Amino acid sequence: MKLNISNKVTLMKAQARFLAGRAREKVEELLKDESGMGTVEVILIIVVLIGLVIIFKEKTDGLVKEIFNTINTKAGKVTG
């Protein structure tokens, strides 16, 4: 079967419509995809972080105080 120019153009247009339809379907699929991080996951992460802060509060308080004391002492020596 030999295709003339008109048939080739028609075939190419049909292929282009098919590919455009498939591309549109893929974009719609991506937009509807809900596999990302949800609210529950974010809340769980926040709860774990708050728990860690509560558990290590005393140690971090001491460490922060020690760091600021060192900064103040050394700053006093420099500006002295």
C-alpha atoms as a PDB file:
ATOM      1  CA  MET A   1       0.000   0.000   0.000  1.00  0.00           C
ATOM      2  CA  LYS A   2       1.471   3.251  -1.126  1.00  0.00           C
ATOM      3  CA  LEU A   3       0.626   6.373   0.885  1.00  0.00           C
ATOM      4  CA  ASN A   4       0.246   9.682  -0.820  1.00  0.00           C
ATOM      5  CA  ILE A   5       1.080  13.001   0.856  1.00  0.00           C
ATOM      6  CA  SER A   6      -2.472  13.572   2.048  1.00  0.00           C
ATOM      7  CA  ASN A   7      -2.638  10.158   3.716  1.00  0.00           C
ATOM      8  CA  LYS A   8       0.781  10.693   5.319  1.00  0.00           C
ATOM      9  CA  VAL A   9      -0.318  14.047   6.754  1.00  0.00           C
ATOM     10  CA  THR A  10      -3.534  12.494   8.070  1.00  0.00           C
ATOM     11  CA  LEU A  11      -1.566   9.656   9.641  1.00  0.00           C
ATOM     12  CA  MET A  12       0.905  12.072  11.226  1.00  0.00           C
ATOM     13  CA  LYS A  13      -1.939  14.192  12.626  1.00  0.00           C
ATOM     14  CA  ALA A  14      -3.548  11.099  14.130  1.00  0.00           C
ATOM     15  CA  GLN A  15      -0.244  10.060  15.703  1.00  0.00           C
ATOM     16  CA  ALA A  16       0.262  13.571  17.083  1.00  0.00           C
ATOM     17  CA  ARG A  17      -3.251  13.575  18.604  1.00  0.00           C
ATOM     18  CA  PHE A  18      -2.580  10.171  20.146  1.00  0.00           C
ATOM     19  CA  LEU A  19       0.729  11.304  21.646  1.00  0.00           C
ATOM     20  CA  ALA A  20      -0.810  14.553  22.910  1.00  0.00           C
ATOM     21  CA  GLY A  21      -3.614  12.576  24.542  1.00  0.00           C
ATOM     22  CA  ARG A  22      -1.109  10.242  26.221  1.00  0.00           C
ATOM     23  CA  ALA A  23       0.948  13.211  27.427  1.00  0.00           C
ATOM     24  CA  ARG A  24      -2.198  14.839  28.854  1.00  0.00           C
ATOM     25  CA  GLU A  25      -3.077  11.587  30.644  1.00  0.00           C
ATOM     26  CA  LYS A  26       0.407  11.389  32.174  1.00  0.00           C
ATOM     27  CA  VAL A  27       0.252  15.009  33.363  1.00  0.00           C
ATOM     28  CA  GLU A  28      -3.164  14.410  34.932  1.00  0.00           C
ATOM     29  CA  GLU A  29      -1.782  11.263  36.605  1.00  0.00           C
ATOM     30  CA  LEU A  30       1.112  13.247  38.071  1.00  0.00           C
ATOM     31  CA  LEU A  31      -1.207  15.976  39.338  1.00  0.00           C
ATOM     32  CA  LYS A  32      -3.508  13.450  41.017  1.00  0.00           C
ATOM     33  CA  ASP A  33      -0.619  11.479  42.549  1.00  0.00           C
ATOM     34  CA  GLU A  34      -0.889  11.593  46.332  1.00  0.00           C
ATOM     35  CA  SER A  35       2.218   9.610  47.172  1.00  0.00           C
ATOM     36  CA  GLY A  36       3.993  12.665  48.594  1.00  0.00           C
ATOM     37  CA  MET A  37       4.393  13.511  52.260  1.00  0.00           C
ATOM     38  CA  GLY A  38       1.033  13.897  53.926  1.00  0.00           C
ATOM     39  CA  THR A  39      -0.188  15.684  57.014  1.00  0.00           C
ATOM     40  CA  VAL A  40       0.075  12.580  59.194  1.00  0.00           C
ATOM     41  CA  GLU A  41       3.746  12.129  58.351  1.00  0.00           C
ATOM     42  CA  VAL A  42       4.524  15.782  59.112  1.00  0.00           C
ATOM     43  CA  ILE A  43       2.695  15.580  62.453  1.00  0.00           C
ATOM     44  CA  LEU A  44       4.593  12.408  63.391  1.00  0.00           C
ATOM     45  CA  ILE A  45       7.924  14.060  62.578  1.00  0.00           C
ATOM     46  CA  ILE A  46       7.002  17.086  64.710  1.00  0.00           C
ATOM     47  CA  VAL A  47       5.936  14.844  67.623  1.00  0.00           C
ATOM     48  CA  VAL A  48       9.240  12.938  67.468  1.00  0.00           C
ATOM     49  CA  LEU A  49      11.234  16.198  67.402  1.00  0.00           C
ATOM     50  CA  ILE A  50       9.305  17.585  70.383  1.00  0.00           C
ATOM     51  CA  GLY A  51       9.909  14.311  72.220  1.00  0.00           C
ATOM     52  CA  LEU A  52      13.642  14.557  71.567  1.00  0.00           C
ATOM     53  CA  VAL A  53      13.706  18.147  72.802  1.00  0.00           C
ATOM     54  CA  ILE A  54      11.934  17.128  76.014  1.00  0.00           C
ATOM     55  CA  ILE A  55      14.232  14.134  76.587  1.00  0.00           C
ATOM     56  CA  PHE A  56      17.464  16.044  76.014  1.00  0.00           C
ATOM     57  CA  LYS A  57      16.348  19.418  77.427  1.00  0.00           C
ATOM     58  CA  GLU A  58      18.587  19.336  80.496  1.00  0.00           C
ATOM     59  CA  LYS A  59      21.664  18.335  78.520  1.00  0.00           C
ATOM     60  CA  THR A  60      21.082  20.949  75.838  1.00  0.00           C
ATOM     61  CA  ASP A  61      20.417  23.672  78.437  1.00  0.00           C
ATOM     62  CA  GLY A  62      23.756  22.946  80.089  1.00  0.00           C
ATOM     63  CA  LEU A  63      25.558  22.844  76.768  1.00  0.00           C
ATOM     64  CA  VAL A  64      24.037  26.135  75.589  1.00  0.00           C
ATOM     65  CA  LYS A  65      24.881  27.855  78.883  1.00  0.00           C
ATOM     66  CA  GLU A  66      28.459  26.577  78.686  1.00  0.00           C
ATOM     67  CA  ILE A  67      28.822  27.814  75.106  1.00  0.00           C
ATOM     68  CA  PHE A  68      27.504  31.291  75.972  1.00  0.00           C
ATOM     69  CA  ASN A  69      29.745  31.495  79.064  1.00  0.00           C
ATOM     70  CA  THR A  70      32.744  30.640  76.891  1.00  0.00           C
ATOM     71  CA  ILE A  71      31.716  33.247  74.308  1.00  0.00           C
ATOM     72  CA  ASN A  72      31.248  35.924  76.987  1.00  0.00           C
ATOM     73  CA  THR A  73      34.573  35.077  78.654  1.00  0.00           C
ATOM     74  CA  LYS A  74      36.549  35.153  75.422  1.00  0.00           C
ATOM     75  CA  ALA A  75      34.721  38.276  74.209  1.00  0.00           C
ATOM     76  CA  GLY A  76      35.636  39.975  77.491  1.00  0.00           C
ATOM     77  CA  LYS A  77      39.299  39.112  76.931  1.00  0.00           C
ATOM     78  CA  VAL A  78      39.220  40.547  73.403  1.00  0.00           C
ATOM     79  CA  THR A  79      37.396  43.778  74.318  1.00  0.00           C
ATOM     80  CA  GLY A  80      38.995  43.849  77.746  1.00  0.00           C
END
